[in-house]
Amino acid sequence: MKKINITFLALVSAFVMHAQDESSIMSWMSDALTWGQSENYGSARSMAMGNAVTAVGGDIGMMAINPAGSAVANYSQVSITPAISIATSDAYGILSTDNSLLGNRVKSSSTRFTLPNAGFTIKFNTGNQFGLKRVTVGFSANTVQRWDDSIQGSGTNPTAGSTIAGSLASAMTGYDKDRWTDMQKVAYDTYIVDAFPNDKSKLMGITEANLVDGTTELSAPINQFYIYNRRGNKTDYLINVGFNISDFLFIGANLGVSTMEYYMDSTTQEFAKDSDMFWTGFRNLSLGYEYRMRGTGIYGKFGLIATPFAGLRLGLAFQTPTGFNLEENYTNSANSNFGSKVENSNINVNNVIYGLRTPMRLNAGVAYTFGHLATISADYEYCGYSGTKFIAKVAADKLYYDNINNQIQGRGVAGSSKLGASHTIRLGAEVWVLKALALRAGYNFIGDGARFYDEERNLLPAANTNSFSAGLGWNTKGSFYGDLAFRYTMRPLATFYVYEAYNNRGTSEATYREIPGAVLEATRPLMTLSVTCGWRF
């Protein structure tokens, strides 16, 4: 089974596997987008200014966006930025009536302590009045992406309602066992799905009854629960060098080592309100999925900042594609409790290894400083996700990944999903209201890099991200300085197809009935509070 990611509006089902079909390709495309995204955190100063710092520089958190930023400061420095991240969610079933089909409104949250930025720079003066005046070297560890979600849904389905066991049974009917997904196999092993008592060619769910007309329906009311969690970070470790040329042109370069770690688990449960009403003696069932990914990549980044006249700064930075080696492990599990039996089963898939090349990035920025009183800045960032490419590590997988890459690049069926360009706008401002106290604010718009279509080939709404930030800066008469930032990120609405719509296995128009699946939507803002402690020398 392939994991689900919540980076776009319409997600593939939670019960698809690595098979060469449209839903699987959508899942791989979601990965390509997810692993390639970058929403820089940086220091509290850069975060408070919306990371609109391509043309600003001078701060350790800024050299991740433009390597030339390290050359702007005329001092050495060291800083550390701890943070608190709070992810909240408000989830509800969108196909529900009253409280059925996960229709209860469920709010949840999770809090994490993180370290989004830490590093140092050391300056070396050349003694020249013109030309190369200063060389700066530095190191920084910087979070460029964070995955953090805790989402739950619940509801009570009435008799003849919808059930995940029935959805699985319907999807499995008519297919040989070798074509079943891992989740379907563990469901069969635990008797969540079994053959009809009087027709072995059909399958039915443990929660269903076999009616006299040969169809099935949910036997009695059940309670349903769905839990989804994910955690992860993408962190860049940067070795930086910067050059100050006549206080007019600043040039810099980063060698970046990028690490990713991503964990996701989901659980779907059904409980009988009265097990005596089920001919199977059904009490409860649980389907679980766990997924873990780890990866390491390398890239280069080059930038410059120019000051054509007093106050004006122009910045430009280019980041090469990042080459990753990735490893996946995932587990499907099921357990059931019915009659006097308790059944358990699981399938583990370990060490799925492949390569991934994420796209290049281009940043351009402009800033204007009003002496030592204020700075305003604006950035534009371009990222072409169609340049993402999966790379087979085993020769037998090459054709499979080639087909996925063709879809990513829009060489599939006309009107089918693909990846495209993402356009990001960042705005920032800093005002020193007192000699030692600054007020800061910022805004980010991150454009969706996907072009996903529904079954009728209609383009789905873009899953854009907006964030707002504010903060304070404090300078002392000594070497110490401190910054505080708060960022509120409005992430795209997440839609989970917890289980698919299905039919009652009717054999004629008179007996056929379509039964809805459970679809859960969740709003999920993310709040980050960070503090930077730094020393200049």
Protein backbone atom coordinates (compact mmCIF):
# COMPACT_ATOMS: atom_id res chain seq x y z
CA MET A 1 0.00 0.00 0.00
CA LYS A 2 1.23 3.48 -0.81
CA LYS A 3 1.07 6.16 1.86
CA ILE A 4 -1.22 9.15 1.53
CA ASN A 5 0.04 12.69 1.63
CA ILE A 6 -2.10 15.74 2.25
CA THR A 7 -0.48 18.24 -0.04
CA PHE A 8 -3.36 18.58 -2.46
CA LEU A 9 -7.14 18.85 -2.26
CA ALA A 10 -8.30 15.51 -3.66
CA LEU A 11 -6.32 12.63 -2.20
CA VAL A 12 -6.14 9.10 -3.44
CA SER A 13 -7.78 6.46 -1.29
CA ALA A 14 -6.06 5.28 1.85
CA PHE A 15 -6.20 1.76 0.45
CA VAL A 16 -4.17 1.88 -2.77
CA MET A 17 -0.89 0.12 -3.33
CA HIS A 18 2.16 0.48 -5.56
CA ALA A 19 0.40 -0.75 -8.65
CA GLN A 20 0.68 0.83 -12.05
CA ASP A 21 -2.72 2.54 -12.15
CA GLU A 22 -3.91 6.12 -12.02
CA SER A 23 -4.43 6.25 -8.25
CA SER A 24 -0.94 4.92 -7.60
CA ILE A 25 0.61 7.45 -9.97
CA MET A 26 -1.32 10.21 -8.17
CA SER A 27 0.24 9.00 -4.92
CA TRP A 28 3.75 9.08 -6.41
CA MET A 29 3.08 12.57 -7.81
CA SER A 30 1.98 13.69 -4.36
CA ASP A 31 5.31 12.39 -3.03
CA ALA A 32 7.23 14.28 -5.71
CA LEU A 33 5.50 17.48 -4.64
CA THR A 34 5.82 16.82 -0.91
CA TRP A 35 9.52 15.93 -0.91
CA GLY A 36 10.38 18.89 -3.14
CA GLN A 37 8.55 21.59 -1.17
CA SER A 38 10.42 24.13 0.91
CA GLU A 39 8.87 26.51 3.44
CA ASN A 40 11.95 27.96 5.10
CA TYR A 41 11.85 28.53 8.86
CA GLY A 42 15.19 30.22 9.55
CA SER A 43 15.95 32.49 12.47
CA ALA A 44 13.29 34.45 14.35
CA ARG A 45 14.27 37.61 12.45
CA SER A 46 13.97 36.04 9.00
CA MET A 47 10.72 34.27 9.98
CA ALA A 48 9.19 37.49 11.35
CA MET A 49 10.01 39.25 8.06
CA GLY A 50 8.26 36.50 6.10
CA ASN A 51 11.66 35.24 4.88
CA ALA A 52 11.57 38.03 2.31
CA VAL A 53 15.33 38.34 2.72
CA THR A 54 16.89 37.51 -0.66
CA ALA A 55 18.18 41.09 -0.84
CA VAL A 56 18.61 41.74 2.91
CA GLY A 57 21.28 39.48 4.40
CA GLY A 58 23.29 39.90 7.56
CA ASP A 59 21.53 37.19 9.59
CA ILE A 60 22.45 33.51 9.94
CA GLY A 61 18.88 32.43 9.14
CA MET A 62 18.98 34.38 5.88
CA MET A 63 21.95 32.68 4.23
CA ALA A 64 19.80 29.60 3.54
CA ILE A 65 17.73 31.72 1.13
CA ASN A 66 20.63 33.70 -0.31
CA PRO A 67 24.19 32.53 0.41
CA ALA A 68 25.47 36.07 -0.22
CA GLY A 69 23.67 37.19 2.93
CA SER A 70 26.55 36.04 5.12
CA ALA A 71 28.89 38.55 3.45
CA VAL A 72 26.71 41.56 4.31
CA ALA A 73 27.45 41.56 8.06
CA ASN A 74 30.71 43.22 9.12
CA TYR A 75 30.98 41.00 12.21
CA SER A 76 31.19 37.33 13.15
CA GLN A 77 28.22 35.82 14.93
CA VAL A 78 26.70 32.69 16.42
CA SER A 79 23.01 32.06 17.11
CA ILE A 80 20.51 29.38 18.06
CA THR A 81 16.74 29.36 17.46
CA PRO A 82 14.49 27.01 19.45
CA ALA A 83 10.78 26.97 18.63
CA ILE A 84 7.39 25.58 19.59
CA SER A 85 5.17 24.26 16.79
CA ILE A 86 1.42 23.79 17.33
CA ALA A 87 -0.61 21.96 14.68
CA THR A 88 -4.39 22.02 15.07
CA SER A 89 -7.18 20.44 13.04
CA ASP A 90 -10.96 20.65 12.72
CA ALA A 91 -12.28 17.60 10.84
CA TYR A 92 -15.75 16.56 9.68
CA GLY A 93 -17.30 14.11 7.21
CA ILE A 94 -18.39 15.96 4.08
CA LEU A 95 -20.82 13.28 2.80
CA SER A 96 -22.50 12.90 6.16
CA THR A 97 -26.07 13.39 7.30
CA ASP A 98 -26.41 14.16 11.03
CA ASN A 99 -23.46 12.32 12.62
CA SER A 100 -23.06 9.37 10.23
CA LEU A 101 -20.04 8.65 8.04
CA LEU A 102 -17.51 10.26 10.40
CA GLY A 103 -19.89 13.22 10.63
CA ASN A 104 -18.95 14.36 14.14
CA ARG A 105 -16.90 17.53 14.20
CA VAL A 106 -13.63 16.61 15.91
CA LYS A 107 -10.92 19.06 16.91
CA SER A 108 -7.41 17.94 17.82
CA SER A 109 -3.91 19.35 18.17
CA SER A 110 -0.28 18.43 18.71
CA THR A 111 2.66 20.41 20.07
CA ARG A 112 6.34 19.92 19.29
CA PHE A 113 9.56 21.54 20.47
CA THR A 114 11.97 22.03 17.57
CA LEU A 115 15.25 23.70 16.62
CA PRO A 116 14.62 25.33 13.22
CA ASN A 117 17.94 27.17 12.96
CA ALA A 118 21.42 27.27 14.47
CA GLY A 119 24.80 28.27 13.11
CA PHE A 120 27.73 30.64 12.99
CA THR A 121 29.69 32.86 10.63
CA ILE A 122 33.30 34.03 10.94
CA LYS A 123 34.59 37.05 9.03
CA PHE A 124 38.13 37.56 7.72
CA ASN A 125 39.10 41.10 6.72
CA THR A 126 41.57 41.39 3.87
CA GLY A 127 42.62 44.96 4.73
CA ASN A 128 41.79 46.14 1.22
CA GLN A 129 40.00 49.47 0.77
CA PHE A 130 38.58 48.35 -2.59
CA GLY A 131 37.97 45.04 -4.30
CA LEU A 132 37.74 42.02 -2.02
CA LYS A 133 37.33 43.55 1.45
CA ARG A 134 36.07 40.60 3.47
CA VAL A 135 35.62 36.84 3.29
CA THR A 136 33.03 35.12 5.48
CA VAL A 137 32.72 31.41 6.17
CA GLY A 138 29.88 29.82 8.08
CA PHE A 139 27.77 26.82 8.91
CA SER A 140 24.03 26.56 9.47
CA ALA A 141 21.47 23.87 10.22
CA ASN A 142 18.12 25.07 8.94
CA THR A 143 14.64 23.54 8.81
CA VAL A 144 13.11 24.04 5.36
CA GLN A 145 10.00 21.89 5.74
CA ARG A 146 7.99 20.44 8.60
CA TRP A 147 5.19 17.90 8.45
CA ASP A 148 2.95 17.92 11.48
CA ASP A 149 -0.67 16.74 11.59
CA SER A 150 -3.01 15.08 14.06
CA ILE A 151 -6.46 14.54 12.55
CA GLN A 152 -9.41 12.52 13.84
CA GLY A 153 -12.91 11.71 12.70
CA SER A 154 -15.83 9.82 14.23
CA GLY A 155 -19.47 9.02 13.58
CA THR A 156 -22.30 6.52 14.07
CA ASN A 157 -23.72 4.70 11.06
CA PRO A 158 -27.28 3.29 11.23
CA THR A 159 -28.51 -0.08 10.01
CA ALA A 160 -28.20 -0.35 6.20
CA GLY A 161 -25.55 2.38 6.37
CA SER A 162 -21.93 2.40 5.26
CA THR A 163 -19.09 0.20 6.55
CA ILE A 164 -15.40 -0.10 5.75
CA ALA A 165 -15.66 -3.90 5.82
CA GLY A 166 -18.28 -3.74 3.07
CA SER A 167 -16.19 -1.32 1.03
CA LEU A 168 -13.22 -3.69 1.15
CA ALA A 169 -15.38 -6.72 0.28
CA SER A 170 -16.93 -4.95 -2.69
CA ALA A 171 -13.52 -3.87 -4.04
CA MET A 172 -12.15 -7.42 -3.70
CA THR A 173 -15.08 -9.25 -5.30
CA GLY A 174 -14.29 -10.43 -8.79
CA TYR A 175 -10.49 -10.21 -8.43
CA ASP A 176 -7.99 -12.99 -7.84
CA LYS A 177 -6.11 -12.91 -4.55
CA ASP A 178 -2.86 -12.03 -6.28
CA ARG A 179 -4.44 -8.71 -7.31
CA TRP A 180 -5.54 -7.75 -3.82
CA THR A 181 -3.74 -4.93 -2.04
CA ASP A 182 -1.82 -5.62 1.16
CA MET A 183 -4.62 -4.03 3.19
CA GLN A 184 -7.19 -6.26 1.50
CA LYS A 185 -5.07 -9.34 2.21
CA VAL A 186 -4.80 -8.65 5.95
CA ALA A 187 -8.55 -7.91 6.03
CA TYR A 188 -9.20 -11.35 4.51
CA ASP A 189 -6.74 -13.05 6.88
CA THR A 190 -8.60 -11.66 9.89
CA TYR A 191 -12.10 -12.49 8.55
CA ILE A 192 -13.00 -8.82 8.22
CA VAL A 193 -13.82 -9.93 4.66
CA ASP A 194 -15.03 -13.44 3.87
CA ALA A 195 -16.99 -15.35 1.23
CA PHE A 196 -20.80 -15.28 1.03
CA PRO A 197 -22.28 -18.24 2.90
CA ASN A 198 -24.15 -19.40 -0.21
CA ASP A 199 -22.06 -17.89 -3.03
CA LYS A 200 -18.29 -18.31 -2.80
CA SER A 201 -17.77 -16.08 -5.84
CA LYS A 202 -18.75 -13.02 -3.78
CA LEU A 203 -17.24 -11.47 -0.69
CA MET A 204 -18.94 -9.73 2.21
CA GLY A 205 -17.82 -7.78 5.24
CA ILE A 206 -17.92 -8.99 8.82
CA THR A 207 -20.35 -6.17 9.62
CA GLU A 208 -22.77 -7.11 6.82
CA ALA A 209 -25.79 -9.38 6.51
CA ASN A 210 -26.61 -11.48 3.43
CA LEU A 211 -30.18 -10.57 2.36
CA VAL A 212 -32.70 -12.88 0.68
CA ASP A 213 -32.28 -11.10 -2.67
CA GLY A 214 -28.56 -12.01 -2.67
CA THR A 215 -27.25 -8.55 -1.70
CA THR A 216 -25.67 -7.24 1.50
CA GLU A 217 -26.18 -4.40 3.90
CA LEU A 218 -24.83 -3.21 7.25
CA SER A 219 -26.49 -5.45 9.84
CA ALA A 220 -26.81 -2.99 12.72
CA PRO A 221 -25.57 0.43 13.89
CA ILE A 222 -21.81 0.85 14.29
CA ASN A 223 -19.48 3.52 15.66
CA GLN A 224 -16.63 4.55 13.36
CA PHE A 225 -13.31 6.22 14.12
CA TYR A 226 -10.47 7.44 11.93
CA ILE A 227 -7.08 8.68 13.20
CA TYR A 228 -4.32 10.16 11.03
CA ASN A 229 -0.94 11.35 12.30
CA ARG A 230 2.19 12.45 10.54
CA ARG A 231 5.50 13.89 11.69
CA GLY A 232 8.65 14.84 9.89
CA ASN A 233 11.28 17.39 9.00
CA LYS A 234 13.47 18.34 6.10
CA THR A 235 16.65 19.96 7.38
CA ASP A 236 19.48 21.48 5.36
CA TYR A 237 23.04 21.54 6.68
CA LEU A 238 24.90 24.35 4.92
CA ILE A 239 28.59 25.10 4.50
CA ASN A 240 28.77 28.73 3.37
CA VAL A 241 31.34 31.11 1.95
CA GLY A 242 30.69 34.77 1.18
CA PHE A 243 32.69 37.61 -0.40
CA ASN A 244 32.32 41.36 0.10
CA ILE A 245 33.51 43.30 -2.95
CA SER A 246 33.87 47.03 -2.30
CA ASP A 247 30.72 47.06 -0.10
CA PHE A 248 28.84 47.10 -3.41
CA LEU A 249 28.58 43.47 -4.47
CA PHE A 250 28.20 40.50 -2.14
CA ILE A 251 28.64 36.99 -3.52
CA GLY A 252 28.07 33.69 -1.75
CA ALA A 253 27.75 29.94 -2.19
CA ASN A 254 26.34 27.09 -0.12
CA LEU A 255 27.07 23.40 -0.22
CA GLY A 256 23.91 21.87 1.17
CA VAL A 257 23.30 18.41 2.60
CA SER A 258 19.57 17.86 2.98
CA THR A 259 18.08 15.21 5.26
CA MET A 260 14.43 14.11 5.36
CA GLU A 261 12.57 12.00 7.85
CA TYR A 262 8.83 11.42 7.53
CA TYR A 263 6.50 9.23 9.55
CA MET A 264 2.78 8.64 9.02
CA ASP A 265 0.24 6.31 10.59
CA SER A 266 -3.50 5.91 10.13
CA THR A 267 -6.08 3.77 11.90
CA THR A 268 -9.67 3.06 10.90
CA GLN A 269 -11.93 1.36 13.44
CA GLU A 270 -15.51 0.11 13.61
CA PHE A 271 -17.33 -0.95 16.80
CA ALA A 272 -20.67 -2.69 17.19
CA LYS A 273 -23.20 -0.84 19.31
CA ASP A 274 -24.77 -4.24 20.07
CA SER A 275 -22.81 -7.30 18.93
CA ASP A 276 -25.87 -9.56 19.41
CA MET A 277 -27.44 -7.87 16.37
CA PHE A 278 -24.69 -9.21 14.04
CA TRP A 279 -24.97 -12.79 12.84
CA THR A 280 -21.15 -12.92 12.87
CA GLY A 281 -21.02 -11.82 16.51
CA PHE A 282 -19.00 -8.80 15.36
CA ARG A 283 -17.60 -6.64 18.15
CA ASN A 284 -14.91 -4.49 16.56
CA LEU A 285 -12.28 -4.27 13.83
CA SER A 286 -9.23 -2.13 13.22
CA LEU A 287 -7.18 -1.48 10.07
CA GLY A 288 -3.80 0.17 10.55
CA TYR A 289 -1.09 1.56 8.32
CA GLU A 290 2.38 2.83 9.26
CA TYR A 291 4.86 4.41 6.88
CA ARG A 292 8.38 5.73 7.38
CA MET A 293 10.69 7.43 4.90
CA ARG A 294 14.28 8.54 5.36
CA GLY A 295 16.50 10.22 2.82
CA THR A 296 19.64 12.26 2.24
CA GLY A 297 20.43 14.59 -0.64
CA ILE A 298 22.98 17.13 -1.79
CA TYR A 299 22.76 20.40 -3.72
CA GLY A 300 24.53 23.69 -4.38
CA LYS A 301 23.25 27.24 -4.05
CA PHE A 302 24.71 30.49 -5.37
CA GLY A 303 23.66 34.06 -4.74
CA LEU A 304 24.53 37.71 -4.95
CA ILE A 305 23.36 40.98 -3.45
CA ALA A 306 24.08 44.33 -5.11
CA THR A 307 23.71 47.86 -3.71
CA PRO A 308 23.51 50.13 -6.79
CA PHE A 309 22.89 53.19 -4.62
CA ALA A 310 22.35 54.01 -0.96
CA GLY A 311 19.33 52.24 0.50
CA LEU A 312 18.53 49.96 -2.45
CA ARG A 313 19.47 46.29 -2.41
CA LEU A 314 18.92 43.76 -5.18
CA GLY A 315 19.28 40.03 -4.59
CA LEU A 316 19.37 36.92 -6.73
CA ALA A 317 19.90 33.25 -5.77
CA PHE A 318 19.87 29.98 -7.66
CA GLN A 319 19.61 26.52 -6.09
CA THR A 320 20.52 23.45 -8.13
CA PRO A 321 18.29 20.36 -8.17
CA THR A 322 18.75 18.16 -5.11
CA GLY A 323 19.66 14.52 -5.64
CA PHE A 324 18.13 12.31 -2.92
CA ASN A 325 18.53 8.67 -2.01
CA LEU A 326 15.32 7.57 -0.25
CA GLU A 327 14.31 4.49 1.70
CA GLU A 328 10.74 3.52 2.61
CA ASN A 329 9.27 1.01 5.07
CA TYR A 330 5.59 0.40 5.61
CA THR A 331 3.24 -1.96 7.42
CA ASN A 332 -0.39 -2.92 6.89
CA SER A 333 -2.15 -4.49 9.86
CA ALA A 334 -5.64 -5.66 10.81
CA ASN A 335 -7.35 -7.17 13.80
CA SER A 336 -10.90 -8.27 14.46
CA ASN A 337 -12.95 -9.36 17.44
CA PHE A 338 -16.07 -11.41 16.74
CA GLY A 339 -17.87 -14.22 18.51
CA SER A 340 -15.26 -15.87 20.70
CA LYS A 341 -12.38 -15.11 18.29
CA VAL A 342 -9.68 -12.46 18.10
CA GLU A 343 -7.68 -12.40 14.83
CA ASN A 344 -4.54 -10.42 13.94
CA SER A 345 -2.48 -10.10 10.76
CA ASN A 346 0.12 -7.78 9.28
CA ILE A 347 2.28 -7.38 6.18
CA ASN A 348 5.61 -5.55 6.42
CA VAL A 349 7.41 -4.11 3.41
CA ASN A 350 10.96 -2.99 4.21
CA ASN A 351 13.76 -1.14 2.46
CA VAL A 352 12.09 0.11 -0.70
CA ILE A 353 14.97 2.16 -2.16
CA TYR A 354 14.89 4.67 -5.02
CA GLY A 355 16.36 8.01 -6.06
CA LEU A 356 14.63 11.34 -6.43
CA ARG A 357 15.76 14.56 -8.07
CA THR A 358 13.81 17.55 -6.75
CA PRO A 359 13.65 20.71 -8.88
CA MET A 360 15.84 23.80 -8.97
CA ARG A 361 14.75 27.06 -7.32
CA LEU A 362 15.26 30.66 -8.38
CA ASN A 363 14.89 33.56 -5.94
CA ALA A 364 14.83 37.27 -6.77
CA GLY A 365 14.43 40.03 -4.21
CA VAL A 366 14.47 43.76 -3.68
CA ALA A 367 14.84 45.65 -0.43
CA TYR A 368 15.11 49.26 0.62
CA THR A 369 16.64 50.46 3.85
CA PHE A 370 15.83 53.85 5.37
CA GLY A 371 19.12 54.39 7.12
CA HIS A 372 19.09 52.49 10.41
CA LEU A 373 15.37 53.11 10.90
CA ALA A 374 13.51 50.65 8.67
CA THR A 375 13.71 48.03 5.93
CA ILE A 376 11.05 46.85 3.49
CA SER A 377 11.58 43.85 1.22
CA ALA A 378 9.87 41.69 -1.38
CA ASP A 379 10.83 38.30 -2.82
CA TYR A 380 9.72 36.14 -5.69
CA GLU A 381 10.56 32.43 -5.88
CA TYR A 382 10.08 30.09 -8.82
CA CYS A 383 10.10 26.30 -8.55
CA GLY A 384 9.26 24.06 -11.51
CA TYR A 385 8.00 20.79 -10.02
CA SER A 386 7.67 19.22 -13.46
CA GLY A 387 11.45 18.85 -13.26
CA THR A 388 11.09 16.29 -10.47
CA LYS A 389 12.32 12.86 -11.45
CA PHE A 390 12.22 9.44 -9.80
CA ILE A 391 15.31 7.32 -10.41
CA ALA A 392 15.28 3.53 -10.28
CA LYS A 393 18.01 1.88 -8.21
CA VAL A 394 17.13 -1.51 -9.71
CA ALA A 395 17.14 -1.93 -13.50
CA ALA A 396 13.84 -3.85 -13.44
CA ASP A 397 12.08 -0.78 -11.96
CA LYS A 398 13.18 1.65 -14.67
CA LEU A 399 10.08 1.35 -16.88
CA TYR A 400 7.81 1.77 -13.86
CA TYR A 401 9.49 5.02 -12.79
CA ASP A 402 9.68 6.25 -16.39
CA ASN A 403 5.88 6.05 -16.60
CA ILE A 404 5.54 8.04 -13.38
CA ASN A 405 8.01 10.67 -14.62
CA ASN A 406 6.09 11.00 -17.89
CA GLN A 407 2.91 11.68 -15.92
CA ILE A 408 4.67 14.24 -13.69
CA GLN A 409 5.92 16.08 -16.76
CA GLY A 410 2.50 16.12 -18.46
CA ARG A 411 3.22 13.48 -21.08
CA GLY A 412 0.30 11.29 -19.99
CA VAL A 413 -3.30 11.34 -21.17
CA ALA A 414 -4.57 14.80 -22.15
CA GLY A 415 -6.35 16.47 -19.23
CA SER A 416 -4.74 14.17 -16.66
CA SER A 417 -2.91 15.30 -13.54
CA LYS A 418 0.63 16.61 -13.69
CA LEU A 419 3.03 18.87 -11.81
CA GLY A 420 3.85 22.41 -12.85
CA ALA A 421 5.38 25.66 -11.64
CA SER A 422 4.93 27.06 -8.16
CA HIS A 423 5.15 30.81 -7.67
CA THR A 424 5.92 32.20 -4.22
CA ILE A 425 5.62 35.81 -3.07
CA ARG A 426 7.20 36.94 0.21
CA LEU A 427 6.87 40.38 1.78
CA GLY A 428 8.62 41.74 4.87
CA ALA A 429 9.18 44.85 6.92
CA GLU A 430 11.33 45.88 9.88
CA VAL A 431 11.05 49.16 11.83
CA TRP A 432 13.33 50.18 14.69
CA VAL A 433 10.89 52.06 16.92
CA LEU A 434 13.64 52.47 19.50
CA LYS A 435 17.39 52.25 19.14
CA ALA A 436 17.30 48.80 20.75
CA LEU A 437 13.82 47.60 19.71
CA ALA A 438 12.50 46.59 16.29
CA LEU A 439 9.02 45.60 15.12
CA ARG A 440 8.76 43.13 12.21
CA ALA A 441 6.02 41.69 10.02
CA GLY A 442 5.79 39.42 6.98
CA TYR A 443 3.50 37.61 4.58
CA ASN A 444 3.93 34.54 2.33
CA PHE A 445 1.91 33.25 -0.57
CA ILE A 446 3.08 29.82 -1.78
CA GLY A 447 1.45 28.72 -5.02
CA ASP A 448 0.42 25.14 -5.63
CA GLY A 449 2.85 23.14 -7.74
CA ALA A 450 0.27 20.53 -8.78
CA ARG A 451 -2.32 20.43 -11.54
CA PHE A 452 -4.70 17.73 -10.35
CA TYR A 453 -7.90 16.79 -12.20
CA ASP A 454 -11.01 14.94 -11.08
CA GLU A 455 -12.55 11.91 -12.85
CA GLU A 456 -14.33 14.22 -15.32
CA ARG A 457 -10.97 15.86 -16.16
CA ASN A 458 -11.93 19.11 -14.43
CA LEU A 459 -9.02 20.99 -12.88
CA LEU A 460 -9.26 20.91 -9.10
CA PRO A 461 -8.83 24.13 -7.08
CA ALA A 462 -5.25 25.07 -6.32
CA ALA A 463 -3.98 24.10 -2.86
CA ASN A 464 -2.18 27.35 -2.07
CA THR A 465 -0.61 28.22 1.28
CA ASN A 466 -0.75 31.58 3.06
CA SER A 467 1.17 32.57 6.15
CA PHE A 468 1.39 35.69 8.29
CA SER A 469 4.23 36.52 10.68
CA ALA A 470 5.23 39.15 13.20
CA GLY A 471 8.04 39.62 15.67
CA LEU A 472 10.35 41.74 17.79
CA GLY A 473 14.07 42.38 17.70
CA TRP A 474 16.24 43.51 20.60
CA ASN A 475 19.85 44.71 20.52
CA THR A 476 21.97 45.26 23.61
CA LYS A 477 24.99 47.49 24.03
CA GLY A 478 27.09 44.34 24.24
CA SER A 479 27.39 41.46 21.83
CA PHE A 480 24.08 39.74 22.68
CA TYR A 481 20.93 40.16 20.60
CA GLY A 482 17.54 38.47 20.76
CA ASP A 483 14.64 38.04 18.37
CA LEU A 484 11.09 36.74 18.75
CA ALA A 485 8.77 35.59 15.95
CA PHE A 486 5.29 34.16 15.54
CA ARG A 487 4.04 32.65 12.30
CA TYR A 488 0.49 31.52 11.49
CA THR A 489 0.23 29.28 8.43
CA MET A 490 -3.07 28.59 6.68
CA ARG A 491 -2.37 25.23 5.06
CA PRO A 492 -4.54 23.80 2.28
CA LEU A 493 -7.73 21.98 3.21
CA ALA A 494 -7.04 18.24 3.53
CA THR A 495 -9.48 15.69 2.15
CA PHE A 496 -9.22 12.01 3.13
CA TYR A 497 -11.02 9.27 1.24
CA VAL A 498 -11.06 7.04 4.32
CA TYR A 499 -12.77 4.30 2.34
CA GLU A 500 -14.31 4.19 -1.11
CA ALA A 501 -17.96 4.19 -2.11
CA TYR A 502 -19.09 0.67 -2.97
CA ASN A 503 -22.08 -1.40 -4.04
CA ASN A 504 -24.20 -4.03 -2.31
CA ARG A 505 -23.06 -6.64 -4.83
CA GLY A 506 -26.49 -6.62 -6.46
CA THR A 507 -26.81 -8.74 -9.58
CA SER A 508 -29.58 -6.76 -11.31
CA GLU A 509 -30.81 -3.20 -11.59
CA ALA A 510 -33.61 -4.06 -9.21
CA THR A 511 -31.23 -5.12 -6.43
CA TYR A 512 -28.24 -2.84 -7.10
CA ARG A 513 -27.57 -0.08 -4.57
CA GLU A 514 -24.67 2.36 -4.34
CA ILE A 515 -23.40 2.91 -0.80
CA PRO A 516 -21.35 6.04 -0.04
CA GLY A 517 -17.82 5.92 1.26
CA ALA A 518 -16.46 8.03 4.10
CA VAL A 519 -14.78 11.29 3.10
CA LEU A 520 -13.22 13.47 5.77
CA GLU A 521 -12.20 17.11 5.37
CA ALA A 522 -9.97 18.98 7.79
CA THR A 523 -8.76 22.53 8.22
CA ARG A 524 -5.29 22.47 9.77
CA PRO A 525 -3.55 25.73 10.64
CA LEU A 526 0.02 25.57 11.91
CA MET A 527 1.42 28.03 14.46
CA THR A 528 5.12 28.49 15.21
CA LEU A 529 6.69 30.55 17.98
CA SER A 530 10.48 30.91 17.82
CA VAL A 531 13.16 32.73 19.78
CA THR A 532 16.69 33.50 18.58
CA CYS A 533 19.57 34.09 20.96
CA GLY A 534 22.70 35.40 19.26
CA TRP A 535 26.10 36.91 19.90
CA ARG A 536 28.14 39.16 17.61
CA PHE A 537 31.90 39.48 17.91
